[in-house]
Amino acid sequence: MTDQEPRPERRTEPMADEVSGDGQDGTETTGIAPRYRVLLVVAWTLVALLLGYGVVNIVITASQLFTG
C-alpha cells in the first residue's frame, strides 16, 4: 500500500453555494443572461396577449353567429 491519504467521504448534502442561486450574490442558476431573460419575458407576454386576443375574437364571432 502507498502513503496516499484516505479518500474523503462523499457528501450527501449540497454545499451552501450550490443551494443559493437566487441571483442576490451574482450567481445565476437558470443559465439565461439577464438581457435574454427580458427578451423572453417580452416575447411570451406578446404571445399571451395575441392568444387572448384570438380567444376574445372567437367568442365574439361565436356569439354573433348564435344570436343572429
N, C-alpha and C. Protein backbone atom coordinates (compact mmCIF):
# COMPACT_ATOMS: atom_id res chain seq x y z
N MET A 1 0.84 -1.17 0.00
CA MET A 1 0.00 0.00 0.00
C MET A 1 0.89 1.24 0.00
N THR A 2 0.42 2.30 -0.65
CA THR A 2 1.21 3.53 -0.74
C THR A 2 0.85 4.48 0.39
N ASP A 3 1.56 5.59 0.45
CA ASP A 3 1.32 6.58 1.51
C ASP A 3 0.27 7.61 1.10
N GLN A 4 -0.72 7.22 0.36
CA GLN A 4 -1.76 8.15 -0.07
C GLN A 4 -2.72 8.43 1.08
N GLU A 5 -3.31 9.62 1.00
CA GLU A 5 -4.31 9.97 2.00
C GLU A 5 -5.59 9.19 1.72
N PRO A 6 -6.36 8.91 2.75
CA PRO A 6 -7.62 8.20 2.51
C PRO A 6 -8.59 9.09 1.73
N ARG A 7 -9.44 8.45 0.97
CA ARG A 7 -10.41 9.19 0.16
C ARG A 7 -11.40 9.91 1.08
N PRO A 8 -11.73 11.15 0.74
CA PRO A 8 -12.72 11.86 1.57
C PRO A 8 -14.09 11.22 1.43
N GLU A 9 -14.87 11.33 2.48
CA GLU A 9 -16.21 10.76 2.44
C GLU A 9 -17.08 11.54 1.48
N ARG A 10 -18.01 10.86 0.88
CA ARG A 10 -18.93 11.54 -0.04
C ARG A 10 -19.91 12.35 0.77
N ARG A 11 -20.15 13.56 0.30
CA ARG A 11 -21.12 14.41 0.98
C ARG A 11 -22.50 14.14 0.39
N THR A 12 -23.49 14.12 1.25
CA THR A 12 -24.84 13.84 0.79
C THR A 12 -25.65 15.11 0.60
N GLU A 13 -25.27 16.19 1.26
CA GLU A 13 -25.99 17.44 1.12
C GLU A 13 -25.17 18.39 0.26
N PRO A 14 -25.83 19.18 -0.58
CA PRO A 14 -25.07 20.13 -1.40
C PRO A 14 -24.46 21.23 -0.53
N MET A 15 -23.39 21.79 -1.03
CA MET A 15 -22.75 22.87 -0.31
C MET A 15 -23.62 24.12 -0.38
N ALA A 16 -23.35 25.08 0.50
CA ALA A 16 -24.19 26.27 0.59
C ALA A 16 -24.20 27.06 -0.71
N ASP A 17 -23.05 27.13 -1.39
CA ASP A 17 -23.02 27.91 -2.62
C ASP A 17 -23.78 27.21 -3.74
N GLU A 18 -24.00 25.91 -3.62
CA GLU A 18 -24.80 25.22 -4.61
C GLU A 18 -26.30 25.39 -4.35
N VAL A 19 -26.65 25.61 -3.12
CA VAL A 19 -28.06 25.76 -2.77
C VAL A 19 -28.56 27.13 -3.16
N SER A 20 -27.81 28.17 -2.79
CA SER A 20 -28.28 29.53 -3.08
C SER A 20 -27.90 29.89 -4.50
N GLY A 21 -28.89 30.18 -5.29
CA GLY A 21 -28.67 30.62 -6.65
C GLY A 21 -29.74 31.59 -7.04
N ASP A 22 -30.10 32.45 -6.10
CA ASP A 22 -31.21 33.35 -6.33
C ASP A 22 -30.79 34.63 -7.04
N GLY A 23 -29.53 34.76 -7.41
CA GLY A 23 -29.08 35.94 -8.11
C GLY A 23 -28.69 37.08 -7.21
N GLN A 24 -28.89 36.95 -5.91
CA GLN A 24 -28.56 38.04 -5.00
C GLN A 24 -27.05 38.23 -4.88
N ASP A 25 -26.31 37.16 -4.98
CA ASP A 25 -24.86 37.26 -4.84
C ASP A 25 -24.15 37.13 -6.18
N GLY A 26 -24.87 37.35 -7.27
CA GLY A 26 -24.25 37.28 -8.59
C GLY A 26 -24.31 35.91 -9.23
N THR A 27 -24.86 34.94 -8.55
CA THR A 27 -24.95 33.61 -9.13
C THR A 27 -26.25 33.46 -9.89
N GLU A 28 -26.19 32.75 -10.98
CA GLU A 28 -27.38 32.50 -11.79
C GLU A 28 -27.53 31.00 -11.94
N THR A 29 -28.72 30.49 -11.71
CA THR A 29 -28.94 29.06 -11.83
C THR A 29 -29.66 28.69 -13.11
N THR A 30 -30.26 29.67 -13.79
CA THR A 30 -31.05 29.36 -14.98
C THR A 30 -30.19 29.22 -16.21
N GLY A 31 -29.02 29.82 -16.23
CA GLY A 31 -28.17 29.77 -17.40
C GLY A 31 -28.61 30.74 -18.48
N ILE A 32 -29.53 31.64 -18.18
CA ILE A 32 -30.01 32.62 -19.14
C ILE A 32 -29.51 33.99 -18.70
N ALA A 33 -28.86 34.69 -19.61
CA ALA A 33 -28.36 36.03 -19.29
C ALA A 33 -29.54 36.96 -19.02
N PRO A 34 -29.36 37.94 -18.15
CA PRO A 34 -30.47 38.84 -17.82
C PRO A 34 -31.05 39.55 -19.05
N ARG A 35 -30.21 39.90 -20.01
CA ARG A 35 -30.71 40.58 -21.20
C ARG A 35 -31.66 39.68 -21.97
N TYR A 36 -31.28 38.42 -22.13
CA TYR A 36 -32.14 37.49 -22.86
C TYR A 36 -33.37 37.11 -22.05
N ARG A 37 -33.25 37.15 -20.73
CA ARG A 37 -34.41 36.88 -19.89
C ARG A 37 -35.48 37.94 -20.12
N VAL A 38 -35.07 39.20 -20.26
CA VAL A 38 -36.02 40.28 -20.54
C VAL A 38 -36.68 40.04 -21.89
N LEU A 39 -35.89 39.65 -22.88
CA LEU A 39 -36.46 39.37 -24.21
C LEU A 39 -37.45 38.21 -24.15
N LEU A 40 -37.14 37.20 -23.38
CA LEU A 40 -38.06 36.07 -23.24
C LEU A 40 -39.36 36.49 -22.58
N VAL A 41 -39.27 37.32 -21.56
CA VAL A 41 -40.49 37.78 -20.88
C VAL A 41 -41.33 38.60 -21.83
N VAL A 42 -40.70 39.50 -22.60
CA VAL A 42 -41.44 40.32 -23.55
C VAL A 42 -42.08 39.45 -24.62
N ALA A 43 -41.31 38.48 -25.14
CA ALA A 43 -41.84 37.62 -26.20
C ALA A 43 -43.03 36.79 -25.70
N TRP A 44 -42.91 36.20 -24.52
CA TRP A 44 -44.01 35.38 -24.00
C TRP A 44 -45.22 36.24 -23.63
N THR A 45 -44.97 37.48 -23.22
CA THR A 45 -46.09 38.38 -22.95
C THR A 45 -46.85 38.69 -24.23
N LEU A 46 -46.11 38.93 -25.32
CA LEU A 46 -46.76 39.18 -26.61
C LEU A 46 -47.54 37.95 -27.08
N VAL A 47 -46.96 36.78 -26.90
CA VAL A 47 -47.65 35.55 -27.29
C VAL A 47 -48.95 35.40 -26.50
N ALA A 48 -48.88 35.65 -25.20
CA ALA A 48 -50.08 35.53 -24.36
C ALA A 48 -51.14 36.54 -24.77
N LEU A 49 -50.72 37.77 -25.07
CA LEU A 49 -51.68 38.79 -25.50
C LEU A 49 -52.33 38.42 -26.82
N LEU A 50 -51.54 37.91 -27.76
CA LEU A 50 -52.11 37.51 -29.05
C LEU A 50 -53.07 36.34 -28.90
N LEU A 51 -52.73 35.39 -28.04
CA LEU A 51 -53.65 34.27 -27.80
C LEU A 51 -54.94 34.75 -27.15
N GLY A 52 -54.82 35.65 -26.20
CA GLY A 52 -56.02 36.21 -25.57
C GLY A 52 -56.87 36.97 -26.56
N TYR A 53 -56.23 37.74 -27.43
CA TYR A 53 -56.96 38.48 -28.47
C TYR A 53 -57.71 37.53 -29.39
N GLY A 54 -57.05 36.42 -29.76
CA GLY A 54 -57.70 35.43 -30.62
C GLY A 54 -58.89 34.78 -29.95
N VAL A 55 -58.75 34.44 -28.69
CA VAL A 55 -59.85 33.82 -27.96
C VAL A 55 -61.03 34.78 -27.85
N VAL A 56 -60.75 36.04 -27.57
CA VAL A 56 -61.83 37.03 -27.47
C VAL A 56 -62.53 37.17 -28.81
N ASN A 57 -61.78 37.21 -29.89
CA ASN A 57 -62.40 37.31 -31.21
C ASN A 57 -63.25 36.09 -31.54
N ILE A 58 -62.80 34.92 -31.16
CA ILE A 58 -63.58 33.70 -31.40
C ILE A 58 -64.89 33.75 -30.61
N VAL A 59 -64.82 34.18 -29.36
CA VAL A 59 -66.03 34.27 -28.54
C VAL A 59 -66.99 35.29 -29.12
N ILE A 60 -66.49 36.43 -29.55
CA ILE A 60 -67.36 37.46 -30.14
C ILE A 60 -68.00 36.94 -31.42
N THR A 61 -67.22 36.29 -32.27
CA THR A 61 -67.75 35.76 -33.53
C THR A 61 -68.80 34.69 -33.26
N ALA A 62 -68.53 33.80 -32.31
CA ALA A 62 -69.49 32.74 -31.99
C ALA A 62 -70.77 33.33 -31.42
N SER A 63 -70.65 34.34 -30.59
CA SER A 63 -71.87 34.94 -30.02
C SER A 63 -72.69 35.64 -31.10
N GLN A 64 -72.03 36.23 -32.08
CA GLN A 64 -72.75 36.86 -33.18
C GLN A 64 -73.43 35.82 -34.06
N LEU A 65 -72.79 34.67 -34.23
CA LEU A 65 -73.39 33.62 -35.05
C LEU A 65 -74.65 33.06 -34.40
N PHE A 66 -74.59 32.87 -33.07
CA PHE A 66 -75.71 32.23 -32.40
C PHE A 66 -76.83 33.19 -32.03
N THR A 67 -76.53 34.49 -32.00
CA THR A 67 -77.58 35.44 -31.66
C THR A 67 -78.20 36.07 -32.90
N GLY A 68 -77.60 35.85 -34.02
CA GLY A 68 -78.18 36.36 -35.26
C GLY A 68 -77.60 37.65 -35.58
